Amino acid sequence: MNADHWTLRAMNADHWLADTRTSYDTVAVSYADQLRGVLAGAPYLRAALALFADLVRAAGGGPVADVDCGPWHVTAHRAPPPTRARRGMAPR
């Protein structure tokens, strides 16, 4: 197409972030429902998570971050003390 046919608008970061957050919130419950119990059928993933948690503990512990990479189903599996977990980075 010819560039004369396009109208460009400046991107407003506040609206973009709000729209993104709203769209994520819209599907969050159904997404979490789809992943609930997924670790039950993934013995190798559970073993890898257990190994990771053991290595963190052996190195003296410390915080572990689940940085908005799902509905917290992975960290929730390995978060009991002494592992400290923080969920997400969103300011809310």
PDB file of N, CA and C in Angstrom:
ATOM      1  N   MET A   1       0.830  -1.191   0.000  1.00  0.00           N
ATOM      2  CA  MET A   1       0.000   0.000   0.000  1.00  0.00           C
ATOM      3  C   MET A   1       0.869   1.247   0.000  1.00  0.00           C
ATOM      4  N   ASN A   2       0.279   2.280  -0.424  1.00  0.00           N
ATOM      5  CA  ASN A   2       0.927   3.580  -0.450  1.00  0.00           C
ATOM      6  C   ASN A   2       0.923   4.170   0.955  1.00  0.00           C
ATOM      7  N   ALA A   3       2.025   4.775   1.352  1.00  0.00           N
ATOM      8  CA  ALA A   3       2.143   5.355   2.696  1.00  0.00           C
ATOM      9  C   ALA A   3       1.114   6.446   2.937  1.00  0.00           C
ATOM     10  N   ASP A   4       0.566   7.036   1.875  1.00  0.00           N
ATOM     11  CA  ASP A   4      -0.454   8.077   2.036  1.00  0.00           C
ATOM     12  C   ASP A   4      -1.744   7.521   2.639  1.00  0.00           C
ATOM     13  N   HIS A   5      -1.922   6.242   2.621  1.00  0.00           N
ATOM     14  CA  HIS A   5      -3.152   5.626   3.110  1.00  0.00           C
ATOM     15  C   HIS A   5      -3.092   5.289   4.592  1.00  0.00           C
ATOM     16  N   TRP A   6      -1.980   5.511   5.221  1.00  0.00           N
ATOM     17  CA  TRP A   6      -1.802   5.140   6.623  1.00  0.00           C
ATOM     18  C   TRP A   6      -1.824   6.379   7.503  1.00  0.00           C
ATOM     19  N   THR A   7      -2.454   6.249   8.615  1.00  0.00           N
ATOM     20  CA  THR A   7      -2.420   7.296   9.626  1.00  0.00           C
ATOM     21  C   THR A   7      -1.707   6.717  10.833  1.00  0.00           C
ATOM     22  N   LEU A   8      -0.656   7.346  11.246  1.00  0.00           N
ATOM     23  CA  LEU A   8       0.105   6.863  12.393  1.00  0.00           C
ATOM     24  C   LEU A   8      -0.257   7.679  13.618  1.00  0.00           C
ATOM     25  N   ARG A   9      -0.484   6.983  14.709  1.00  0.00           N
ATOM     26  CA  ARG A   9      -0.767   7.657  15.968  1.00  0.00           C
ATOM     27  C   ARG A   9       0.380   7.395  16.925  1.00  0.00           C
ATOM     28  N   ALA A  10       0.632   8.353  17.765  1.00  0.00           N
ATOM     29  CA  ALA A  10       1.646   8.159  18.803  1.00  0.00           C
ATOM     30  C   ALA A  10       1.127   7.119  19.788  1.00  0.00           C
ATOM     31  N   MET A  11       2.000   6.261  20.216  1.00  0.00           N
ATOM     32  CA  MET A  11       1.612   5.231  21.171  1.00  0.00           C
ATOM     33  C   MET A  11       1.606   5.812  22.574  1.00  0.00           C
ATOM     34  N   ASN A  12       0.536   5.587  23.273  1.00  0.00           N
ATOM     35  CA  ASN A  12       0.420   6.035  24.653  1.00  0.00           C
ATOM     36  C   ASN A  12       0.715   4.840  25.548  1.00  0.00           C
ATOM     37  N   ALA A  13       1.820   4.862  26.233  1.00  0.00           N
ATOM     38  CA  ALA A  13       2.243   3.714  27.045  1.00  0.00           C
ATOM     39  C   ALA A  13       1.228   3.389  28.130  1.00  0.00           C
ATOM     40  N   ASP A  14       0.602   4.392  28.713  1.00  0.00           N
ATOM     41  CA  ASP A  14      -0.370   4.126  29.777  1.00  0.00           C
ATOM     42  C   ASP A  14      -1.544   3.306  29.253  1.00  0.00           C
ATOM     43  N   HIS A  15      -2.072   3.688  28.084  1.00  0.00           N
ATOM     44  CA  HIS A  15      -3.192   2.939  27.515  1.00  0.00           C
ATOM     45  C   HIS A  15      -2.756   1.550  27.085  1.00  0.00           C
ATOM     46  N   TRP A  16      -1.577   1.447  26.495  1.00  0.00           N
ATOM     47  CA  TRP A  16      -1.082   0.152  26.050  1.00  0.00           C
ATOM     48  C   TRP A  16      -0.928  -0.799  27.228  1.00  0.00           C
ATOM     49  N   LEU A  17      -0.352  -0.313  28.311  1.00  0.00           N
ATOM     50  CA  LEU A  17      -0.184  -1.161  29.495  1.00  0.00           C
ATOM     51  C   LEU A  17      -1.524  -1.551  30.084  1.00  0.00           C
ATOM     52  N   ALA A  18      -2.448  -0.616  30.153  1.00  0.00           N
ATOM     53  CA  ALA A  18      -3.776  -0.921  30.687  1.00  0.00           C
ATOM     54  C   ALA A  18      -4.489  -1.941  29.802  1.00  0.00           C
ATOM     55  N   ASP A  19      -4.408  -1.771  28.489  1.00  0.00           N
ATOM     56  CA  ASP A  19      -5.036  -2.722  27.569  1.00  0.00           C
ATOM     57  C   ASP A  19      -4.408  -4.106  27.695  1.00  0.00           C
ATOM     58  N   THR A  20      -3.088  -4.147  27.810  1.00  0.00           N
ATOM     59  CA  THR A  20      -2.396  -5.426  27.960  1.00  0.00           C
ATOM     60  C   THR A  20      -2.800  -6.108  29.257  1.00  0.00           C
ATOM     61  N   ARG A  21      -2.819  -5.356  30.342  1.00  0.00           N
ATOM     62  CA  ARG A  21      -3.208  -5.916  31.637  1.00  0.00           C
ATOM     63  C   ARG A  21      -4.647  -6.436  31.588  1.00  0.00           C
ATOM     64  N   THR A  22      -5.540  -5.676  30.986  1.00  0.00           N
ATOM     65  CA  THR A  22      -6.938  -6.092  30.888  1.00  0.00           C
ATOM     66  C   THR A  22      -7.066  -7.378  30.078  1.00  0.00           C
ATOM     67  N   SER A  23      -6.336  -7.471  28.967  1.00  0.00           N
ATOM     68  CA  SER A  23      -6.428  -8.681  28.151  1.00  0.00           C
ATOM     69  C   SER A  23      -5.866  -9.890  28.890  1.00  0.00           C
ATOM     70  N   TYR A  24      -4.791  -9.713  29.621  1.00  0.00           N
ATOM     71  CA  TYR A  24      -4.239 -10.816  30.415  1.00  0.00           C
ATOM     72  C   TYR A  24      -5.222 -11.221  31.503  1.00  0.00           C
ATOM     73  N   ASP A  25      -5.796 -10.242  32.191  1.00  0.00           N
ATOM     74  CA  ASP A  25      -6.747 -10.545  33.260  1.00  0.00           C
ATOM     75  C   ASP A  25      -7.970 -11.281  32.723  1.00  0.00           C
ATOM     76  N   THR A  26      -8.356 -10.982  31.488  1.00  0.00           N
ATOM     77  CA  THR A  26      -9.527 -11.610  30.885  1.00  0.00           C
ATOM     78  C   THR A  26      -9.350 -13.117  30.744  1.00  0.00           C
ATOM     79  N   VAL A  27      -8.152 -13.562  30.427  1.00  0.00           N
ATOM     80  CA  VAL A  27      -7.927 -14.991  30.194  1.00  0.00           C
ATOM     81  C   VAL A  27      -7.234 -15.690  31.362  1.00  0.00           C
ATOM     82  N   ALA A  28      -6.913 -14.977  32.415  1.00  0.00           N
ATOM     83  CA  ALA A  28      -6.095 -15.541  33.498  1.00  0.00           C
ATOM     84  C   ALA A  28      -6.724 -16.768  34.142  1.00  0.00           C
ATOM     85  N   VAL A  29      -7.997 -16.714  34.457  1.00  0.00           N
ATOM     86  CA  VAL A  29      -8.638 -17.831  35.155  1.00  0.00           C
ATOM     87  C   VAL A  29      -8.680 -19.067  34.265  1.00  0.00           C
ATOM     88  N   SER A  30      -9.088 -18.909  33.002  1.00  0.00           N
ATOM     89  CA  SER A  30      -9.152 -20.078  32.123  1.00  0.00           C
ATOM     90  C   SER A  30      -7.756 -20.642  31.848  1.00  0.00           C
ATOM     91  N   TYR A  31      -6.752 -19.768  31.754  1.00  0.00           N
ATOM     92  CA  TYR A  31      -5.378 -20.225  31.551  1.00  0.00           C
ATOM     93  C   TYR A  31      -4.896 -21.024  32.761  1.00  0.00           C
ATOM     94  N   ALA A  32      -5.161 -20.524  33.939  1.00  0.00           N
ATOM     95  CA  ALA A  32      -4.776 -21.242  35.157  1.00  0.00           C
ATOM     96  C   ALA A  32      -5.493 -22.586  35.234  1.00  0.00           C
ATOM     97  N   ASP A  33      -6.764 -22.620  34.846  1.00  0.00           N
ATOM     98  CA  ASP A  33      -7.513 -23.878  34.849  1.00  0.00           C
ATOM     99  C   ASP A  33      -6.891 -24.894  33.897  1.00  0.00           C
ATOM    100  N   GLN A  34      -6.433 -24.432  32.737  1.00  0.00           N
ATOM    101  CA  GLN A  34      -5.815 -25.334  31.762  1.00  0.00           C
ATOM    102  C   GLN A  34      -4.506 -25.923  32.281  1.00  0.00           C
ATOM    103  N   LEU A  35      -3.773 -25.161  33.077  1.00  0.00           N
ATOM    104  CA  LEU A  35      -2.472 -25.621  33.560  1.00  0.00           C
ATOM    105  C   LEU A  35      -2.533 -26.323  34.911  1.00  0.00           C
ATOM    106  N   ARG A  36      -3.679 -26.240  35.573  1.00  0.00           N
ATOM    107  CA  ARG A  36      -3.807 -26.877  36.881  1.00  0.00           C
ATOM    108  C   ARG A  36      -3.560 -28.380  36.733  1.00  0.00           C
ATOM    109  N   GLY A  37      -2.669 -28.898  37.502  1.00  0.00           N
ATOM    110  CA  GLY A  37      -2.374 -30.323  37.476  1.00  0.00           C
ATOM    111  C   GLY A  37      -1.420 -30.758  36.371  1.00  0.00           C
ATOM    112  N   VAL A  38      -0.910 -29.819  35.579  1.00  0.00           N
ATOM    113  CA  VAL A  38      -0.029 -30.190  34.477  1.00  0.00           C
ATOM    114  C   VAL A  38       1.249 -30.868  34.982  1.00  0.00           C
ATOM    115  N   LEU A  39       1.692 -30.509  36.164  1.00  0.00           N
ATOM    116  CA  LEU A  39       2.916 -31.125  36.697  1.00  0.00           C
ATOM    117  C   LEU A  39       2.699 -32.573  37.115  1.00  0.00           C
ATOM    118  N   ALA A  40       1.457 -32.955  37.359  1.00  0.00           N
ATOM    119  CA  ALA A  40       1.182 -34.342  37.743  1.00  0.00           C
ATOM    120  C   ALA A  40       1.607 -35.312  36.642  1.00  0.00           C
ATOM    121  N   GLY A  41       1.498 -34.891  35.400  1.00  0.00           N
ATOM    122  CA  GLY A  41       1.872 -35.752  34.281  1.00  0.00           C
ATOM    123  C   GLY A  41       3.241 -35.444  33.708  1.00  0.00           C
ATOM    124  N   ALA A  42       4.068 -34.753  34.469  1.00  0.00           N
ATOM    125  CA  ALA A  42       5.383 -34.352  33.964  1.00  0.00           C
ATOM    126  C   ALA A  42       6.471 -34.699  34.977  1.00  0.00           C
ATOM    127  N   PRO A  43       6.784 -35.983  35.142  1.00  0.00           N
ATOM    128  CA  PRO A  43       7.758 -36.373  36.165  1.00  0.00           C
ATOM    129  C   PRO A  43       9.155 -35.789  35.941  1.00  0.00           C
ATOM    130  N   TYR A  44       9.567 -35.628  34.686  1.00  0.00           N
ATOM    131  CA  TYR A  44      10.898 -35.075  34.435  1.00  0.00           C
ATOM    132  C   TYR A  44      10.959 -33.599  34.812  1.00  0.00           C
ATOM    133  N   LEU A  45       9.889 -32.869  34.542  1.00  0.00           N
ATOM    134  CA  LEU A  45       9.841 -31.463  34.938  1.00  0.00           C
ATOM    135  C   LEU A  45       9.825 -31.338  36.460  1.00  0.00           C
ATOM    136  N   ARG A  46       9.053 -32.181  37.129  1.00  0.00           N
ATOM    137  CA  ARG A  46       9.045 -32.152  38.604  1.00  0.00           C
ATOM    138  C   ARG A  46      10.431 -32.454  39.151  1.00  0.00           C
ATOM    139  N   ALA A  47      11.134 -33.411  38.552  1.00  0.00           N
ATOM    140  CA  ALA A  47      12.490 -33.744  39.007  1.00  0.00           C
ATOM    141  C   ALA A  47      13.443 -32.577  38.770  1.00  0.00           C
ATOM    142  N   ALA A  48      13.319 -31.906  37.632  1.00  0.00           N
ATOM    143  CA  ALA A  48      14.177 -30.749  37.353  1.00  0.00           C
ATOM    144  C   ALA A  48      13.902 -29.624  38.341  1.00  0.00           C
ATOM    145  N   LEU A  49      12.636 -29.402  38.664  1.00  0.00           N
ATOM    146  CA  LEU A  49      12.283 -28.367  39.640  1.00  0.00           C
ATOM    147  C   LEU A  49      12.816 -28.716  41.026  1.00  0.00           C
ATOM    148  N   ALA A  50      12.716 -29.982  41.394  1.00  0.00           N
ATOM    149  CA  ALA A  50      13.231 -30.413  42.693  1.00  0.00           C
ATOM    150  C   ALA A  50      14.747 -30.227  42.751  1.00  0.00           C
ATOM    151  N   LEU A  51      15.432 -30.573  41.672  1.00  0.00           N
ATOM    152  CA  LEU A  51      16.883 -30.393  41.620  1.00  0.00           C
ATOM    153  C   LEU A  51      17.244 -28.914  41.733  1.00  0.00           C
ATOM    154  N   PHE A  52      16.534 -28.056  41.005  1.00  0.00           N
ATOM    155  CA  PHE A  52      16.793 -26.622  41.081  1.00  0.00           C
ATOM    156  C   PHE A  52      16.611 -26.119  42.511  1.00  0.00           C
ATOM    157  N   ALA A  53      15.517 -26.502  43.154  1.00  0.00           N
ATOM    158  CA  ALA A  53      15.271 -26.063  44.532  1.00  0.00           C
ATOM    159  C   ALA A  53      16.362 -26.575  45.467  1.00  0.00           C
ATOM    160  N   ASP A  54      16.792 -27.815  45.272  1.00  0.00           N
ATOM    161  CA  ASP A  54      17.869 -28.365  46.104  1.00  0.00           C
ATOM    162  C   ASP A  54      19.177 -27.593  45.903  1.00  0.00           C
ATOM    163  N   LEU A  55      19.479 -27.222  44.668  1.00  0.00           N
ATOM    164  CA  LEU A  55      20.693 -26.450  44.392  1.00  0.00           C
ATOM    165  C   LEU A  55      20.626 -25.062  45.026  1.00  0.00           C
ATOM    166  N   VAL A  56      19.454 -24.440  44.984  1.00  0.00           N
ATOM    167  CA  VAL A  56      19.289 -23.129  45.628  1.00  0.00           C
ATOM    168  C   VAL A  56      19.515 -23.261  47.127  1.00  0.00           C
ATOM    169  N   ARG A  57      18.907 -24.276  47.730  1.00  0.00           N
ATOM    170  CA  ARG A  57      19.076 -24.486  49.180  1.00  0.00           C
ATOM    171  C   ARG A  57      20.532 -24.774  49.522  1.00  0.00           C
ATOM    172  N   ALA A  58      21.198 -25.620  48.712  1.00  0.00           N
ATOM    173  CA  ALA A  58      22.593 -25.979  48.974  1.00  0.00           C
ATOM    174  C   ALA A  58      23.518 -24.774  48.856  1.00  0.00           C
ATOM    175  N   ALA A  59      23.130 -23.806  48.057  1.00  0.00           N
ATOM    176  CA  ALA A  59      23.938 -22.598  47.889  1.00  0.00           C
ATOM    177  C   ALA A  59      23.616 -21.549  48.944  1.00  0.00           C
ATOM    178  N   GLY A  60      22.820 -21.910  49.919  1.00  0.00           N
ATOM    179  CA  GLY A  60      22.502 -20.979  50.996  1.00  0.00           C
ATOM    180  C   GLY A  60      21.117 -20.381  50.924  1.00  0.00           C
ATOM    181  N   GLY A  61      20.307 -20.851  50.000  1.00  0.00           N
ATOM    182  CA  GLY A  61      18.949 -20.328  49.881  1.00  0.00           C
ATOM    183  C   GLY A  61      18.942 -18.990  49.182  1.00  0.00           C
ATOM    184  N   GLY A  62      17.876 -18.301  49.342  1.00  0.00           N
ATOM    185  CA  GLY A  62      17.734 -17.001  48.702  1.00  0.00           C
ATOM    186  C   GLY A  62      16.420 -16.913  47.972  1.00  0.00           C
ATOM    187  N   PRO A  63      16.124 -15.729  47.512  1.00  0.00           N
ATOM    188  CA  PRO A  63      14.842 -15.552  46.830  1.00  0.00           C
ATOM    189  C   PRO A  63      14.830 -16.222  45.460  1.00  0.00           C
ATOM    190  N   VAL A  64      13.673 -16.691  45.083  1.00  0.00           N
ATOM    191  CA  VAL A  64      13.436 -17.267  43.765  1.00  0.00           C
ATOM    192  C   VAL A  64      12.261 -16.508  43.177  1.00  0.00           C
ATOM    193  N   ALA A  65      12.381 -16.051  41.954  1.00  0.00           N
ATOM    194  CA  ALA A  65      11.311 -15.260  41.336  1.00  0.00           C
ATOM    195  C   ALA A  65      10.636 -16.033  40.213  1.00  0.00           C
ATOM    196  N   ASP A  66       9.330 -16.069  40.254  1.00  0.00           N
ATOM    197  CA  ASP A  66       8.517 -16.560  39.150  1.00  0.00           C
ATOM    198  C   ASP A  66       8.020 -15.294  38.466  1.00  0.00           C
ATOM    199  N   VAL A  67       8.691 -14.880  37.424  1.00  0.00           N
ATOM    200  CA  VAL A  67       8.481 -13.551  36.857  1.00  0.00           C
ATOM    201  C   VAL A  67       7.438 -13.599  35.741  1.00  0.00           C
ATOM    202  N   ASP A  68       6.186 -13.586  36.169  1.00  0.00           N
ATOM    203  CA  ASP A  68       5.060 -13.518  35.236  1.00  0.00           C
ATOM    204  C   ASP A  68       5.181 -14.477  34.068  1.00  0.00           C
ATOM    205  N   CYS A  69       5.484 -15.723  34.370  1.00  0.00           N
ATOM    206  CA  CYS A  69       5.615 -16.703  33.294  1.00  0.00           C
ATOM    207  C   CYS A  69       4.533 -17.767  33.404  1.00  0.00           C
ATOM    208  N   GLY A  70       3.388 -17.373  33.871  1.00  0.00           N
ATOM    209  CA  GLY A  70       2.279 -18.301  34.001  1.00  0.00           C
ATOM    210  C   GLY A  70       1.520 -18.038  35.281  1.00  0.00           C
ATOM    211  N   PRO A  71       0.587 -18.913  35.598  1.00  0.00           N
ATOM    212  CA  PRO A  71      -0.246 -18.703  36.776  1.00  0.00           C
ATOM    213  C   PRO A  71       0.385 -19.217  38.068  1.00  0.00           C
ATOM    214  N   TRP A  72       1.678 -19.232  38.147  1.00  0.00           N
ATOM    215  CA  TRP A  72       2.431 -19.592  39.339  1.00  0.00           C
ATOM    216  C   TRP A  72       2.380 -21.078  39.642  1.00  0.00           C
ATOM    217  N   HIS A  73       2.014 -21.886  38.683  1.00  0.00           N
ATOM    218  CA  HIS A  73       1.886 -23.319  38.917  1.00  0.00           C
ATOM    219  C   HIS A  73       3.230 -23.990  39.149  1.00  0.00           C
ATOM    220  N   VAL A  74       4.307 -23.462  38.577  1.00  0.00           N
ATOM    221  CA  VAL A  74       5.628 -24.063  38.762  1.00  0.00           C
ATOM    222  C   VAL A  74       6.200 -23.684  40.119  1.00  0.00           C
ATOM    223  N   THR A  75       6.229 -22.401  40.429  1.00  0.00           N
ATOM    224  CA  THR A  75       6.783 -21.959  41.711  1.00  0.00           C
ATOM    225  C   THR A  75       5.959 -22.486  42.873  1.00  0.00           C
ATOM    226  N   ALA A  76       4.661 -22.531  42.712  1.00  0.00           N
ATOM    227  CA  ALA A  76       3.804 -23.042  43.782  1.00  0.00           C
ATOM    228  C   ALA A  76       4.162 -24.485  44.122  1.00  0.00           C
ATOM    229  N   HIS A  77       4.656 -25.214  43.134  1.00  0.00           N
ATOM    230  CA  HIS A  77       5.048 -26.607  43.352  1.00  0.00           C
ATOM    231  C   HIS A  77       6.283 -26.714  44.247  1.00  0.00           C
ATOM    232  N   ARG A  78       7.191 -25.735  44.168  1.00  0.00           N
ATOM    233  CA  ARG A  78       8.449 -25.816  44.906  1.00  0.00           C
ATOM    234  C   ARG A  78       8.656 -24.674  45.887  1.00  0.00           C
ATOM    235  N   ALA A  79       7.607 -24.000  46.305  1.00  0.00           N
ATOM    236  CA  ALA A  79       7.772 -22.812  47.135  1.00  0.00           C
ATOM    237  C   ALA A  79       7.748 -23.016  48.642  1.00  0.00           C
ATOM    238  N   PRO A  80       7.506 -24.208  49.168  1.00  0.00           N
ATOM    239  CA  PRO A  80       7.466 -24.302  50.629  1.00  0.00           C
ATOM    240  C   PRO A  80       8.814 -23.969  51.253  1.00  0.00           C
ATOM    241  N   PRO A  81       8.815 -23.518  52.504  1.00  0.00           N
ATOM    242  CA  PRO A  81      10.079 -23.162  53.169  1.00  0.00           C
ATOM    243  C   PRO A  81      11.066 -24.315  53.090  1.00  0.00           C
ATOM    244  N   PRO A  82      12.346 -24.035  52.984  1.00  0.00           N
ATOM    245  CA  PRO A  82      12.950 -22.714  53.135  1.00  0.00           C
ATOM    246  C   PRO A  82      13.076 -21.922  51.837  1.00  0.00           C
ATOM    247  N   THR A  83      12.432 -22.349  50.750  1.00  0.00           N
ATOM    248  CA  THR A  83      12.491 -21.580  49.511  1.00  0.00           C
ATOM    249  C   THR A  83      11.568 -20.381  49.623  1.00  0.00           C
ATOM    250  N   ARG A  84      12.110 -19.197  49.386  1.00  0.00           N
ATOM    251  CA  ARG A  84      11.276 -17.989  49.381  1.00  0.00           C
ATOM    252  C   ARG A  84      10.971 -17.658  47.930  1.00  0.00           C
ATOM    253  N   ALA A  85       9.726 -17.421  47.640  1.00  0.00           N
ATOM    254  CA  ALA A  85       9.341 -17.126  46.263  1.00  0.00           C
ATOM    255  C   ALA A  85       8.588 -15.816  46.196  1.00  0.00           C
ATOM    256  N   ARG A  86       8.831 -15.106  45.140  1.00  0.00           N
ATOM    257  CA  ARG A  86       8.073 -13.881  44.868  1.00  0.00           C
ATOM    258  C   ARG A  86       7.344 -14.101  43.557  1.00  0.00           C
ATOM    259  N   ARG A  87       6.090 -13.755  43.557  1.00  0.00           N
ATOM    260  CA  ARG A  87       5.291 -13.958  42.362  1.00  0.00           C
ATOM    261  C   ARG A  87       5.163 -12.659  41.588  1.00  0.00           C
ATOM    262  N   GLY A  88       5.635 -12.675  40.355  1.00  0.00           N
ATOM    263  CA  GLY A  88       5.409 -11.582  39.430  1.00  0.00           C
ATOM    264  C   GLY A  88       6.169 -10.311  39.727  1.00  0.00           C
ATOM    265  N   MET A  89       6.072  -9.407  38.789  1.00  0.00           N
ATOM    266  CA  MET A  89       6.742  -8.128  38.906  1.00  0.00           C
ATOM    267  C   MET A  89       5.758  -6.975  38.770  1.00  0.00           C
ATOM    268  N   ALA A  90       4.489  -7.283  38.550  1.00  0.00           N
ATOM    269  CA  ALA A  90       3.486  -6.239  38.362  1.00  0.00           C
ATOM    270  C   ALA A  90       3.352  -5.423  39.639  1.00  0.00           C
ATOM    271  N   PRO A  91       3.171  -4.101  39.503  1.00  0.00           N
ATOM    272  CA  PRO A  91       3.114  -3.239  40.685  1.00  0.00           C
ATOM    273  C   PRO A  91       1.801  -3.310  41.441  1.00  0.00           C
ATOM    274  N   ARG A  92       0.914  -4.196  41.085  1.00  0.00           N
ATOM    275  CA  ARG A  92      -0.352  -4.256  41.805  1.00  0.00           C
ATOM    276  C   ARG A  92      -0.463  -5.462  42.661  1.00  0.00           C
TER     277      ARG A  92
END
